[in-house]
């Protein structure tokens, strides 16, 4: 018989439209940002781009993990959005 895993609670996301826009932009531009479980209550953030992957040195608890993920998404979106505006 298999081992039954207990459900993993990562908390509420609390997204707003600005968060989703940045998240979609990252996906479309091959920047993967997401959680990597350390255990049932703590997660690292993994950021992958151009064949390289980096992981946050610290872990985050439920709900905070989503805030941090979207913080990184908005950072990359805004960083590259400034570059794109100058080239148009």
C-alpha atoms as a PDB file:
ATOM      1  CA  UNK A   1       0.000   0.000   0.000  1.00  0.00           C
ATOM      2  CA  UNK A   2       1.117   3.543  -0.729  1.00  0.00           C
ATOM      3  CA  UNK A   3       1.789   6.215   1.836  1.00  0.00           C
ATOM      4  CA  UNK A   4      -0.943   8.823   2.067  1.00  0.00           C
ATOM      5  CA  UNK A   5       0.456  12.342   1.975  1.00  0.00           C
ATOM      6  CA  UNK A   6      -1.206  15.101   3.891  1.00  0.00           C
ATOM      7  CA  UNK A   7      -2.331  18.124   1.867  1.00  0.00           C
ATOM      8  CA  UNK A   8       0.130  20.965   1.468  1.00  0.00           C
ATOM      9  CA  UNK A   9      -1.251  24.393   2.438  1.00  0.00           C
ATOM     10  CA  UNK A  10       0.612  27.236   0.742  1.00  0.00           C
ATOM     11  CA  UNK A  11      -1.897  29.848   1.891  1.00  0.00           C
ATOM     12  CA  UNK A  12      -3.901  32.375  -0.083  1.00  0.00           C
ATOM     13  CA  UNK A  13      -2.369  33.997  -3.115  1.00  0.00           C
ATOM     14  CA  UNK A  14      -4.058  37.393  -2.910  1.00  0.00           C
ATOM     15  CA  UNK A  15      -3.300  38.168  -6.566  1.00  0.00           C
ATOM     16  CA  UNK A  16      -4.231  41.417  -8.210  1.00  0.00           C
ATOM     17  CA  UNK A  17      -4.161  42.220 -11.928  1.00  0.00           C
ATOM     18  CA  UNK A  18      -0.690  43.807 -11.739  1.00  0.00           C
ATOM     19  CA  UNK A  19       0.676  40.575 -10.204  1.00  0.00           C
ATOM     20  CA  UNK A  20      -0.907  38.455 -12.956  1.00  0.00           C
ATOM     21  CA  UNK A  21       0.390  40.740 -15.707  1.00  0.00           C
ATOM     22  CA  UNK A  22       3.950  40.427 -14.385  1.00  0.00           C
ATOM     23  CA  UNK A  23       3.594  36.643 -13.907  1.00  0.00           C
ATOM     24  CA  UNK A  24       2.318  36.135 -17.473  1.00  0.00           C
ATOM     25  CA  UNK A  25       5.089  38.340 -18.843  1.00  0.00           C
ATOM     26  CA  UNK A  26       7.705  36.204 -17.079  1.00  0.00           C
ATOM     27  CA  UNK A  27       6.234  32.996 -18.493  1.00  0.00           C
ATOM     28  CA  UNK A  28       6.096  34.419 -22.035  1.00  0.00           C
ATOM     29  CA  UNK A  29       9.743  35.493 -21.711  1.00  0.00           C
ATOM     30  CA  UNK A  30      11.030  32.156 -20.385  1.00  0.00           C
ATOM     31  CA  UNK A  31      11.575  33.328 -16.837  1.00  0.00           C
ATOM     32  CA  UNK A  32      10.267  30.618 -14.523  1.00  0.00           C
ATOM     33  CA  UNK A  33       9.615  31.695 -10.939  1.00  0.00           C
ATOM     34  CA  UNK A  34       8.032  29.279  -8.509  1.00  0.00           C
ATOM     35  CA  UNK A  35       8.126  27.514  -5.144  1.00  0.00           C
ATOM     36  CA  UNK A  36      10.306  24.520  -4.260  1.00  0.00           C
ATOM     37  CA  UNK A  37       9.268  22.685  -1.099  1.00  0.00           C
ATOM     38  CA  UNK A  38      11.718  22.242   1.735  1.00  0.00           C
ATOM     39  CA  UNK A  39       8.983  20.572   3.788  1.00  0.00           C
ATOM     40  CA  UNK A  40       5.228  20.922   4.355  1.00  0.00           C
ATOM     41  CA  UNK A  41       5.516  24.426   5.798  1.00  0.00           C
ATOM     42  CA  UNK A  42       8.512  26.084   4.112  1.00  0.00           C
ATOM     43  CA  UNK A  43       9.427  26.798   0.498  1.00  0.00           C
ATOM     44  CA  UNK A  44      12.382  28.188  -1.409  1.00  0.00           C
ATOM     45  CA  UNK A  45      11.915  30.347  -4.483  1.00  0.00           C
ATOM     46  CA  UNK A  46      13.409  29.024  -7.703  1.00  0.00           C
ATOM     47  CA  UNK A  47      14.154  31.395 -10.599  1.00  0.00           C
ATOM     48  CA  UNK A  48      15.118  29.904 -13.946  1.00  0.00           C
ATOM     49  CA  UNK A  49      16.133  31.782 -17.083  1.00  0.00           C
ATOM     50  CA  UNK A  50      18.390  31.104 -20.061  1.00  0.00           C
ATOM     51  CA  UNK A  51      19.293  27.624 -18.835  1.00  0.00           C
ATOM     52  CA  UNK A  52      20.357  28.800 -15.379  1.00  0.00           C
ATOM     53  CA  UNK A  53      18.423  28.233 -12.172  1.00  0.00           C
ATOM     54  CA  UNK A  54      18.934  29.981  -8.852  1.00  0.00           C
ATOM     55  CA  UNK A  55      17.269  29.260  -5.547  1.00  0.00           C
ATOM     56  CA  UNK A  56      16.666  31.664  -2.677  1.00  0.00           C
ATOM     57  CA  UNK A  57      18.948  31.081   0.316  1.00  0.00           C
ATOM     58  CA  UNK A  58      16.061  31.415   2.747  1.00  0.00           C
ATOM     59  CA  UNK A  59      12.678  29.743   2.943  1.00  0.00           C
ATOM     60  CA  UNK A  60       9.254  31.330   3.219  1.00  0.00           C
ATOM     61  CA  UNK A  61       6.097  30.201   4.990  1.00  0.00           C
ATOM     62  CA  UNK A  62       2.581  29.945   3.649  1.00  0.00           C
ATOM     63  CA  UNK A  63       1.086  33.026   2.012  1.00  0.00           C
ATOM     64  CA  UNK A  64       4.433  34.883   2.288  1.00  0.00           C
ATOM     65  CA  UNK A  65       5.775  32.568  -0.438  1.00  0.00           C
ATOM     66  CA  UNK A  66       3.217  33.991  -2.895  1.00  0.00           C
ATOM     67  CA  UNK A  67       4.037  37.579  -1.968  1.00  0.00           C
ATOM     68  CA  UNK A  68       7.728  36.935  -2.623  1.00  0.00           C
ATOM     69  CA  UNK A  69       7.125  35.089  -5.906  1.00  0.00           C
ATOM     70  CA  UNK A  70       5.069  37.978  -7.252  1.00  0.00           C
ATOM     71  CA  UNK A  71       7.600  40.475  -5.941  1.00  0.00           C
ATOM     72  CA  UNK A  72      10.238  38.765  -8.109  1.00  0.00           C
ATOM     73  CA  UNK A  73       7.860  38.636 -11.104  1.00  0.00           C
ATOM     74  CA  UNK A  74       7.193  42.361 -10.834  1.00  0.00           C
ATOM     75  CA  UNK A  75      10.924  43.057 -10.478  1.00  0.00           C
ATOM     76  CA  UNK A  76      11.775  41.272 -13.750  1.00  0.00           C
ATOM     77  CA  UNK A  77       8.744  42.715 -15.544  1.00  0.00           C
ATOM     78  CA  UNK A  78       9.622  46.290 -14.569  1.00  0.00           C
ATOM     79  CA  UNK A  79      13.341  45.811 -15.234  1.00  0.00           C
ATOM     80  CA  UNK A  80      12.755  44.598 -18.784  1.00  0.00           C
ATOM     81  CA  UNK A  81       9.791  46.890 -19.431  1.00  0.00           C
ATOM     82  CA  UNK A  82      12.098  49.903 -19.035  1.00  0.00           C
ATOM     83  CA  UNK A  83      14.498  48.423 -21.607  1.00  0.00           C
ATOM     84  CA  UNK A  84      11.658  47.682 -24.045  1.00  0.00           C
ATOM     85  CA  UNK A  85      10.293  51.244 -23.870  1.00  0.00           C
ATOM     86  CA  UNK A  86      13.670  52.658 -24.956  1.00  0.00           C
ATOM     87  CA  UNK A  87      13.912  50.381 -28.000  1.00  0.00           C
ATOM     88  CA  UNK A  88      10.453  51.117 -29.444  1.00  0.00           C
END
